[in-house]
Amino acid sequence: MSITYRDANPFDVPAILGLIKELALFEKAPEKVENTEAQLLEDGFGQFPIFKAIVAQHEDTIVAFALSYFRYSTWRGKVVFLEDLYVKPEYRSKGIGRKLMEMKLAYTEKLGLKYLCLQVLDWNQPAIDFYKSWGAELDEEWINVLFETEKISLVSG
């Protein structure tokens, strides 16, 4: 099977959004996807792109992607945050995820950065095992916090 790896381009946005929705379904939260093709186009390929995505393509089909952006750590400085790495189920165990991970790590090093970080669901054992196989540190001490501004009542003072 011949797989091509490359930087994503605006024409890939529909396929990337489709993979994002597949990932959300896998993570048992399909209703959480609010992003749109228009937003992905603006955020990834507009005047001020805020993420970088790479894709894996088999023939004419995008079968996997990895999307990252910069995060700033007050302790470590600038780091690459890997938001998602997803491979369609029928293409797993073929080295595609490994190649995407290699590419993201190489990208991090090319930028002169020392850290790539990500989050993984505590029940996703295959992903946990995959990241451990790379020597990743898993920190179970921190709790994710998300504020949804529409649900917060702000009091101006």
N, C-alpha and C. Protein backbone atom coordinates (compact mmCIF):
# COMPACT_ATOMS: atom_id res chain seq x y z
N MET A 1 0.84 -1.18 0.00
CA MET A 1 0.00 0.00 0.00
C MET A 1 0.89 1.24 0.00
N SER A 2 0.64 2.13 -0.92
CA SER A 2 1.43 3.34 -1.06
C SER A 2 0.70 4.50 -0.37
N ILE A 3 1.35 5.08 0.62
CA ILE A 3 0.81 6.21 1.36
C ILE A 3 1.70 7.42 1.10
N THR A 4 1.08 8.55 0.81
CA THR A 4 1.79 9.81 0.62
C THR A 4 1.55 10.68 1.85
N TYR A 5 2.61 11.29 2.35
CA TYR A 5 2.54 12.18 3.51
C TYR A 5 2.91 13.58 3.05
N ARG A 6 2.12 14.56 3.48
CA ARG A 6 2.39 15.93 3.04
C ARG A 6 1.69 16.93 3.96
N ASP A 7 2.12 18.19 3.84
CA ASP A 7 1.42 19.26 4.55
C ASP A 7 0.00 19.36 3.98
N ALA A 8 -0.94 19.61 4.84
CA ALA A 8 -2.32 19.80 4.40
C ALA A 8 -2.42 21.11 3.62
N ASN A 9 -3.41 21.17 2.73
CA ASN A 9 -3.67 22.39 1.98
C ASN A 9 -5.18 22.68 2.06
N PRO A 10 -5.60 23.84 1.60
CA PRO A 10 -7.03 24.19 1.72
C PRO A 10 -7.99 23.17 1.10
N PHE A 11 -7.55 22.48 0.07
CA PHE A 11 -8.42 21.50 -0.57
C PHE A 11 -8.66 20.27 0.31
N ASP A 12 -7.84 20.09 1.33
CA ASP A 12 -7.98 18.95 2.24
C ASP A 12 -8.98 19.20 3.35
N VAL A 13 -9.44 20.43 3.51
CA VAL A 13 -10.29 20.79 4.64
C VAL A 13 -11.55 19.92 4.77
N PRO A 14 -12.30 19.65 3.69
CA PRO A 14 -13.47 18.78 3.86
C PRO A 14 -13.10 17.40 4.42
N ALA A 15 -12.02 16.82 3.92
CA ALA A 15 -11.59 15.50 4.41
C ALA A 15 -11.13 15.58 5.87
N ILE A 16 -10.41 16.63 6.21
CA ILE A 16 -9.94 16.79 7.59
C ILE A 16 -11.14 16.93 8.53
N LEU A 17 -12.12 17.74 8.15
CA LEU A 17 -13.30 17.88 9.00
C LEU A 17 -14.02 16.53 9.13
N GLY A 18 -14.08 15.77 8.07
CA GLY A 18 -14.67 14.43 8.14
C GLY A 18 -13.93 13.54 9.13
N LEU A 19 -12.59 13.60 9.12
CA LEU A 19 -11.79 12.81 10.06
C LEU A 19 -11.98 13.31 11.49
N ILE A 20 -12.11 14.62 11.65
CA ILE A 20 -12.37 15.19 12.99
C ILE A 20 -13.68 14.63 13.53
N LYS A 21 -14.69 14.55 12.68
CA LYS A 21 -15.99 14.01 13.11
C LYS A 21 -15.90 12.52 13.41
N GLU A 22 -15.10 11.77 12.64
CA GLU A 22 -14.88 10.35 12.94
C GLU A 22 -14.20 10.20 14.30
N LEU A 23 -13.20 11.04 14.55
CA LEU A 23 -12.49 11.01 15.83
C LEU A 23 -13.43 11.30 16.99
N ALA A 24 -14.29 12.30 16.82
CA ALA A 24 -15.25 12.65 17.87
C ALA A 24 -16.19 11.49 18.14
N LEU A 25 -16.61 10.80 17.11
CA LEU A 25 -17.47 9.62 17.28
C LEU A 25 -16.72 8.54 18.05
N PHE A 26 -15.47 8.30 17.68
CA PHE A 26 -14.63 7.32 18.38
C PHE A 26 -14.48 7.70 19.86
N GLU A 27 -14.36 8.99 20.13
CA GLU A 27 -14.17 9.47 21.50
C GLU A 27 -15.50 9.67 22.22
N LYS A 28 -16.58 9.19 21.62
CA LYS A 28 -17.91 9.19 22.23
C LYS A 28 -18.45 10.60 22.49
N ALA A 29 -18.12 11.53 21.59
CA ALA A 29 -18.58 12.90 21.76
C ALA A 29 -18.86 13.57 20.41
N PRO A 30 -19.61 12.92 19.52
CA PRO A 30 -19.83 13.53 18.19
C PRO A 30 -20.55 14.86 18.25
N GLU A 31 -21.36 15.06 19.28
CA GLU A 31 -22.12 16.31 19.40
C GLU A 31 -21.24 17.50 19.77
N LYS A 32 -20.00 17.26 20.14
CA LYS A 32 -19.09 18.33 20.57
C LYS A 32 -18.42 19.06 19.40
N VAL A 33 -18.48 18.48 18.20
CA VAL A 33 -17.82 19.11 17.05
C VAL A 33 -18.65 20.31 16.59
N GLU A 34 -18.09 21.48 16.76
CA GLU A 34 -18.72 22.73 16.33
C GLU A 34 -17.99 23.36 15.16
N ASN A 35 -16.78 22.91 14.90
CA ASN A 35 -15.95 23.50 13.86
C ASN A 35 -16.60 23.31 12.49
N THR A 36 -16.23 24.18 11.56
CA THR A 36 -16.78 24.14 10.21
C THR A 36 -15.64 24.18 9.20
N GLU A 37 -15.95 23.87 7.96
CA GLU A 37 -14.94 23.99 6.91
C GLU A 37 -14.45 25.43 6.81
N ALA A 38 -15.36 26.39 6.88
CA ALA A 38 -14.97 27.80 6.78
C ALA A 38 -14.00 28.18 7.90
N GLN A 39 -14.28 27.71 9.11
CA GLN A 39 -13.41 28.04 10.24
C GLN A 39 -12.05 27.38 10.09
N LEU A 40 -12.03 26.12 9.66
CA LEU A 40 -10.75 25.44 9.43
C LEU A 40 -9.94 26.14 8.34
N LEU A 41 -10.61 26.56 7.28
CA LEU A 41 -9.91 27.29 6.22
C LEU A 41 -9.27 28.56 6.76
N GLU A 42 -10.04 29.33 7.52
CA GLU A 42 -9.51 30.58 8.08
C GLU A 42 -8.38 30.31 9.08
N ASP A 43 -8.60 29.36 9.97
CA ASP A 43 -7.64 29.12 11.04
C ASP A 43 -6.36 28.43 10.58
N GLY A 44 -6.45 27.66 9.51
CA GLY A 44 -5.27 26.94 9.04
C GLY A 44 -4.61 27.52 7.81
N PHE A 45 -5.38 28.25 7.02
CA PHE A 45 -4.85 28.69 5.74
C PHE A 45 -5.16 30.15 5.43
N GLY A 46 -5.68 30.87 6.41
CA GLY A 46 -6.01 32.28 6.23
C GLY A 46 -4.78 33.15 6.37
N GLN A 47 -5.00 34.42 6.59
CA GLN A 47 -3.91 35.40 6.69
C GLN A 47 -2.97 35.11 7.86
N PHE A 48 -3.53 34.64 8.98
CA PHE A 48 -2.73 34.33 10.16
C PHE A 48 -3.01 32.89 10.61
N PRO A 49 -2.43 31.90 9.94
CA PRO A 49 -2.71 30.50 10.29
C PRO A 49 -2.28 30.20 11.73
N ILE A 50 -3.14 29.49 12.45
CA ILE A 50 -2.81 29.17 13.84
C ILE A 50 -2.58 27.68 14.07
N PHE A 51 -2.75 26.86 13.03
CA PHE A 51 -2.40 25.45 13.17
C PHE A 51 -1.69 24.97 11.92
N LYS A 52 -1.00 23.86 12.10
CA LYS A 52 -0.32 23.19 10.98
C LYS A 52 -0.78 21.74 10.99
N ALA A 53 -1.25 21.30 9.84
CA ALA A 53 -1.72 19.92 9.73
C ALA A 53 -0.93 19.20 8.65
N ILE A 54 -0.72 17.92 8.88
CA ILE A 54 -0.16 17.05 7.86
C ILE A 54 -1.18 15.93 7.63
N VAL A 55 -1.17 15.41 6.42
CA VAL A 55 -2.12 14.36 6.07
C VAL A 55 -1.38 13.17 5.49
N ALA A 56 -2.04 12.02 5.61
CA ALA A 56 -1.60 10.79 4.95
C ALA A 56 -2.66 10.46 3.92
N GLN A 57 -2.22 10.20 2.71
CA GLN A 57 -3.16 9.99 1.62
C GLN A 57 -2.88 8.65 0.94
N HIS A 58 -3.94 7.88 0.73
CA HIS A 58 -3.87 6.64 -0.04
C HIS A 58 -4.69 6.86 -1.30
N GLU A 59 -4.03 6.80 -2.44
CA GLU A 59 -4.65 7.13 -3.71
C GLU A 59 -5.27 8.52 -3.61
N ASP A 60 -6.58 8.67 -3.75
CA ASP A 60 -7.20 10.00 -3.68
C ASP A 60 -7.88 10.27 -2.35
N THR A 61 -7.62 9.44 -1.35
CA THR A 61 -8.33 9.54 -0.08
C THR A 61 -7.39 9.93 1.05
N ILE A 62 -7.77 10.97 1.80
CA ILE A 62 -7.04 11.33 3.02
C ILE A 62 -7.46 10.32 4.08
N VAL A 63 -6.50 9.56 4.61
CA VAL A 63 -6.81 8.48 5.55
C VAL A 63 -6.37 8.78 6.98
N ALA A 64 -5.62 9.87 7.16
CA ALA A 64 -5.13 10.22 8.50
C ALA A 64 -4.66 11.67 8.49
N PHE A 65 -4.62 12.24 9.69
CA PHE A 65 -4.09 13.60 9.81
C PHE A 65 -3.51 13.78 11.20
N ALA A 66 -2.63 14.76 11.30
CA ALA A 66 -2.10 15.21 12.59
C ALA A 66 -2.11 16.72 12.55
N LEU A 67 -2.70 17.33 13.57
CA LEU A 67 -2.86 18.77 13.63
C LEU A 67 -2.23 19.31 14.90
N SER A 68 -1.39 20.32 14.75
CA SER A 68 -0.72 20.89 15.91
C SER A 68 -0.74 22.42 15.84
N TYR A 69 -0.43 23.01 16.96
CA TYR A 69 -0.31 24.46 17.07
C TYR A 69 0.66 24.77 18.20
N PHE A 70 0.99 26.04 18.35
CA PHE A 70 1.91 26.43 19.42
C PHE A 70 1.17 26.70 20.70
N ARG A 71 1.77 26.27 21.77
CA ARG A 71 1.29 26.54 23.11
C ARG A 71 2.46 27.17 23.86
N TYR A 72 2.15 27.99 24.82
CA TYR A 72 3.22 28.60 25.60
C TYR A 72 3.16 28.11 27.03
N SER A 73 4.24 27.54 27.49
CA SER A 73 4.36 27.07 28.85
C SER A 73 5.23 28.06 29.62
N THR A 74 4.73 28.53 30.74
CA THR A 74 5.54 29.46 31.53
C THR A 74 6.79 28.77 32.07
N TRP A 75 6.76 27.46 32.17
CA TRP A 75 7.92 26.72 32.66
C TRP A 75 8.90 26.37 31.54
N ARG A 76 8.38 26.09 30.35
CA ARG A 76 9.23 25.56 29.28
C ARG A 76 9.33 26.47 28.07
N GLY A 77 8.50 27.48 28.00
CA GLY A 77 8.49 28.35 26.83
C GLY A 77 7.59 27.77 25.74
N LYS A 78 7.92 28.05 24.52
CA LYS A 78 7.12 27.64 23.37
C LYS A 78 7.22 26.13 23.17
N VAL A 79 6.07 25.48 23.02
CA VAL A 79 6.02 24.04 22.75
C VAL A 79 5.02 23.79 21.62
N VAL A 80 5.17 22.67 20.96
CA VAL A 80 4.20 22.26 19.96
C VAL A 80 3.16 21.41 20.68
N PHE A 81 1.91 21.75 20.48
CA PHE A 81 0.81 20.97 21.06
C PHE A 81 0.16 20.18 19.94
N LEU A 82 0.18 18.87 20.06
CA LEU A 82 -0.45 17.98 19.08
C LEU A 82 -1.90 17.81 19.49
N GLU A 83 -2.78 18.52 18.81
CA GLU A 83 -4.19 18.48 19.16
C GLU A 83 -4.82 17.15 18.81
N ASP A 84 -4.55 16.67 17.61
CA ASP A 84 -5.13 15.40 17.17
C ASP A 84 -4.19 14.68 16.24
N LEU A 85 -4.15 13.38 16.40
CA LEU A 85 -3.52 12.48 15.45
C LEU A 85 -4.55 11.36 15.27
N TYR A 86 -5.06 11.22 14.06
CA TYR A 86 -6.13 10.25 13.83
C TYR A 86 -5.88 9.49 12.53
N VAL A 87 -6.05 8.18 12.61
CA VAL A 87 -5.93 7.30 11.46
C VAL A 87 -7.24 6.54 11.33
N LYS A 88 -7.81 6.53 10.13
CA LYS A 88 -9.04 5.77 9.90
C LYS A 88 -8.82 4.32 10.34
N PRO A 89 -9.82 3.70 10.96
CA PRO A 89 -9.65 2.35 11.51
C PRO A 89 -9.08 1.33 10.53
N GLU A 90 -9.53 1.35 9.30
CA GLU A 90 -9.06 0.35 8.33
C GLU A 90 -7.61 0.56 7.89
N TYR A 91 -7.00 1.68 8.29
CA TYR A 91 -5.61 1.96 7.94
C TYR A 91 -4.68 1.88 9.15
N ARG A 92 -5.20 1.48 10.28
CA ARG A 92 -4.37 1.37 11.49
C ARG A 92 -3.46 0.15 11.41
N SER A 93 -2.41 0.18 12.22
CA SER A 93 -1.41 -0.90 12.30
C SER A 93 -0.65 -1.07 10.99
N LYS A 94 -0.51 0.01 10.25
CA LYS A 94 0.25 -0.02 9.00
C LYS A 94 1.41 0.98 9.05
N GLY A 95 1.68 1.55 10.23
CA GLY A 95 2.78 2.49 10.39
C GLY A 95 2.44 3.94 10.07
N ILE A 96 1.18 4.21 9.75
CA ILE A 96 0.79 5.57 9.37
C ILE A 96 0.87 6.52 10.56
N GLY A 97 0.32 6.11 11.70
CA GLY A 97 0.39 6.94 12.90
C GLY A 97 1.82 7.18 13.32
N ARG A 98 2.65 6.15 13.21
CA ARG A 98 4.06 6.27 13.56
C ARG A 98 4.75 7.31 12.66
N LYS A 99 4.46 7.27 11.37
CA LYS A 99 5.07 8.22 10.44
C LYS A 99 4.59 9.65 10.73
N LEU A 100 3.30 9.82 11.01
CA LEU A 100 2.80 11.16 11.35
C LEU A 100 3.46 11.68 12.63
N MET A 101 3.63 10.79 13.60
CA MET A 101 4.28 11.19 14.85
C MET A 101 5.74 11.59 14.59
N GLU A 102 6.44 10.81 13.78
CA GLU A 102 7.82 11.15 13.40
C GLU A 102 7.87 12.53 12.78
N MET A 103 6.91 12.80 11.89
CA MET A 103 6.90 14.09 11.20
C MET A 103 6.65 15.24 12.17
N LYS A 104 5.76 15.05 13.13
CA LYS A 104 5.49 16.11 14.10
C LYS A 104 6.68 16.31 15.03
N LEU A 105 7.35 15.24 15.41
CA LEU A 105 8.54 15.38 16.25
C LEU A 105 9.67 16.07 15.47
N ALA A 106 9.83 15.72 14.20
CA ALA A 106 10.85 16.36 13.36
C ALA A 106 10.54 17.84 13.19
N TYR A 107 9.26 18.16 13.02
CA TYR A 107 8.82 19.56 12.91
C TYR A 107 9.18 20.32 14.19
N THR A 108 8.94 19.71 15.33
CA THR A 108 9.26 20.33 16.61
C THR A 108 10.76 20.61 16.70
N GLU A 109 11.58 19.62 16.35
CA GLU A 109 13.03 19.79 16.39
C GLU A 109 13.50 20.84 15.39
N LYS A 110 12.92 20.84 14.19
CA LYS A 110 13.30 21.80 13.15
C LYS A 110 13.09 23.23 13.63
N LEU A 111 12.07 23.44 14.43
CA LEU A 111 11.79 24.77 14.97
C LEU A 111 12.71 25.12 16.14
N GLY A 112 13.54 24.18 16.55
CA GLY A 112 14.44 24.42 17.66
C GLY A 112 13.76 24.28 19.01
N LEU A 113 12.61 23.61 19.03
CA LEU A 113 11.86 23.44 20.27
C LEU A 113 12.18 22.07 20.88
N LYS A 114 12.06 22.00 22.19
CA LYS A 114 12.40 20.77 22.91
C LYS A 114 11.21 19.92 23.27
N TYR A 115 9.99 20.43 23.14
CA TYR A 115 8.84 19.71 23.65
C TYR A 115 7.69 19.67 22.65
N LEU A 116 7.10 18.49 22.56
CA LEU A 116 5.82 18.29 21.91
C LEU A 116 4.93 17.68 22.98
N CYS A 117 3.75 18.23 23.17
CA CYS A 117 2.85 17.70 24.19
C CYS A 117 1.49 17.43 23.57
N LEU A 118 0.71 16.62 24.26
CA LEU A 118 -0.61 16.25 23.79
C LEU A 118 -1.43 15.74 24.95
N GLN A 119 -2.70 15.48 24.68
CA GLN A 119 -3.57 14.86 25.67
C GLN A 119 -4.09 13.55 25.08
N VAL A 120 -4.36 12.61 25.94
CA VAL A 120 -4.94 11.34 25.50
C VAL A 120 -5.98 10.93 26.54
N LEU A 121 -7.10 10.41 26.05
CA LEU A 121 -8.15 9.97 26.98
C LEU A 121 -7.66 8.78 27.80
N ASP A 122 -8.02 8.77 29.08
CA ASP A 122 -7.50 7.72 29.97
C ASP A 122 -7.98 6.32 29.61
N TRP A 123 -9.03 6.20 28.81
CA TRP A 123 -9.53 4.87 28.42
C TRP A 123 -9.00 4.41 27.06
N ASN A 124 -8.25 5.28 26.38
CA ASN A 124 -7.74 4.94 25.05
C ASN A 124 -6.39 4.24 25.16
N GLN A 125 -6.44 3.00 25.62
CA GLN A 125 -5.21 2.24 25.89
C GLN A 125 -4.32 2.07 24.66
N PRO A 126 -4.88 1.81 23.47
CA PRO A 126 -3.98 1.70 22.31
C PRO A 126 -3.16 2.98 22.07
N ALA A 127 -3.80 4.14 22.24
CA ALA A 127 -3.08 5.40 22.06
C ALA A 127 -2.06 5.59 23.18
N ILE A 128 -2.44 5.27 24.40
CA ILE A 128 -1.51 5.38 25.53
C ILE A 128 -0.28 4.51 25.28
N ASP A 129 -0.51 3.28 24.87
CA ASP A 129 0.60 2.36 24.58
C ASP A 129 1.47 2.90 23.45
N PHE A 130 0.83 3.47 22.42
CA PHE A 130 1.55 4.04 21.29
C PHE A 130 2.48 5.16 21.77
N TYR A 131 1.95 6.09 22.57
CA TYR A 131 2.78 7.21 23.04
C TYR A 131 3.87 6.73 24.00
N LYS A 132 3.56 5.75 24.83
CA LYS A 132 4.58 5.20 25.73
C LYS A 132 5.71 4.55 24.92
N SER A 133 5.36 3.94 23.78
CA SER A 133 6.40 3.29 22.96
C SER A 133 7.41 4.30 22.43
N TRP A 134 7.04 5.57 22.42
CA TRP A 134 7.94 6.64 22.00
C TRP A 134 8.73 7.21 23.18
N GLY A 135 8.45 6.72 24.38
CA GLY A 135 9.13 7.24 25.56
C GLY A 135 8.45 8.45 26.17
N ALA A 136 7.19 8.67 25.83
CA ALA A 136 6.47 9.83 26.37
C ALA A 136 6.22 9.67 27.86
N GLU A 137 6.23 10.79 28.57
CA GLU A 137 5.85 10.82 29.97
C GLU A 137 4.35 11.05 30.05
N LEU A 138 3.64 10.24 30.81
CA LEU A 138 2.21 10.45 31.01
C LEU A 138 2.01 11.02 32.41
N ASP A 139 1.37 12.17 32.47
CA ASP A 139 1.16 12.85 33.74
C ASP A 139 -0.32 12.75 34.10
N GLU A 140 -0.64 11.94 35.07
CA GLU A 140 -2.03 11.73 35.47
C GLU A 140 -2.45 12.67 36.60
N GLU A 141 -1.58 13.60 36.96
CA GLU A 141 -1.84 14.49 38.08
C GLU A 141 -2.73 15.68 37.70
N TRP A 142 -2.63 16.16 36.46
CA TRP A 142 -3.34 17.36 36.05
C TRP A 142 -4.75 17.04 35.59
N ILE A 143 -5.65 17.95 35.85
CA ILE A 143 -7.05 17.83 35.43
C ILE A 143 -7.31 18.90 34.37
N ASN A 144 -7.91 18.50 33.26
CA ASN A 144 -8.27 19.46 32.22
C ASN A 144 -9.43 20.33 32.69
N VAL A 145 -9.38 21.59 32.35
CA VAL A 145 -10.43 22.53 32.71
C VAL A 145 -10.84 23.27 31.44
N LEU A 146 -12.14 23.35 31.20
CA LEU A 146 -12.66 24.04 30.02
C LEU A 146 -13.80 24.94 30.44
N PHE A 147 -13.69 26.22 30.11
CA PHE A 147 -14.78 27.16 30.36
C PHE A 147 -15.55 27.36 29.07
N GLU A 148 -16.85 27.25 29.12
CA GLU A 148 -17.70 27.55 27.98
C GLU A 148 -18.34 28.90 28.27
N THR A 149 -17.91 29.93 27.56
CA THR A 149 -18.29 31.30 27.91
C THR A 149 -19.79 31.52 27.86
N GLU A 150 -20.50 30.81 27.02
CA GLU A 150 -21.96 30.99 26.94
C GLU A 150 -22.67 30.51 28.22
N LYS A 151 -22.00 29.66 28.98
CA LYS A 151 -22.61 29.12 30.20
C LYS A 151 -22.14 29.84 31.46
N ILE A 152 -21.31 30.86 31.28
CA ILE A 152 -20.76 31.57 32.42
C ILE A 152 -21.41 32.93 32.54
N SER A 153 -21.86 33.25 33.74
CA SER A 153 -22.45 34.56 34.00
C SER A 153 -21.36 35.46 34.55
N LEU A 154 -20.96 36.44 33.78
CA LEU A 154 -19.92 37.37 34.23
C LEU A 154 -20.54 38.57 34.90
N VAL A 155 -19.99 38.93 36.01
CA VAL A 155 -20.47 40.10 36.74
C VAL A 155 -19.43 41.21 36.56
N SER A 156 -19.86 42.32 35.97
CA SER A 156 -18.91 43.43 35.80
C SER A 156 -18.91 44.27 37.05
N GLY A 157 -17.77 44.73 37.41
CA GLY A 157 -17.68 45.45 38.67
C GLY A 157 -17.14 46.76 38.47
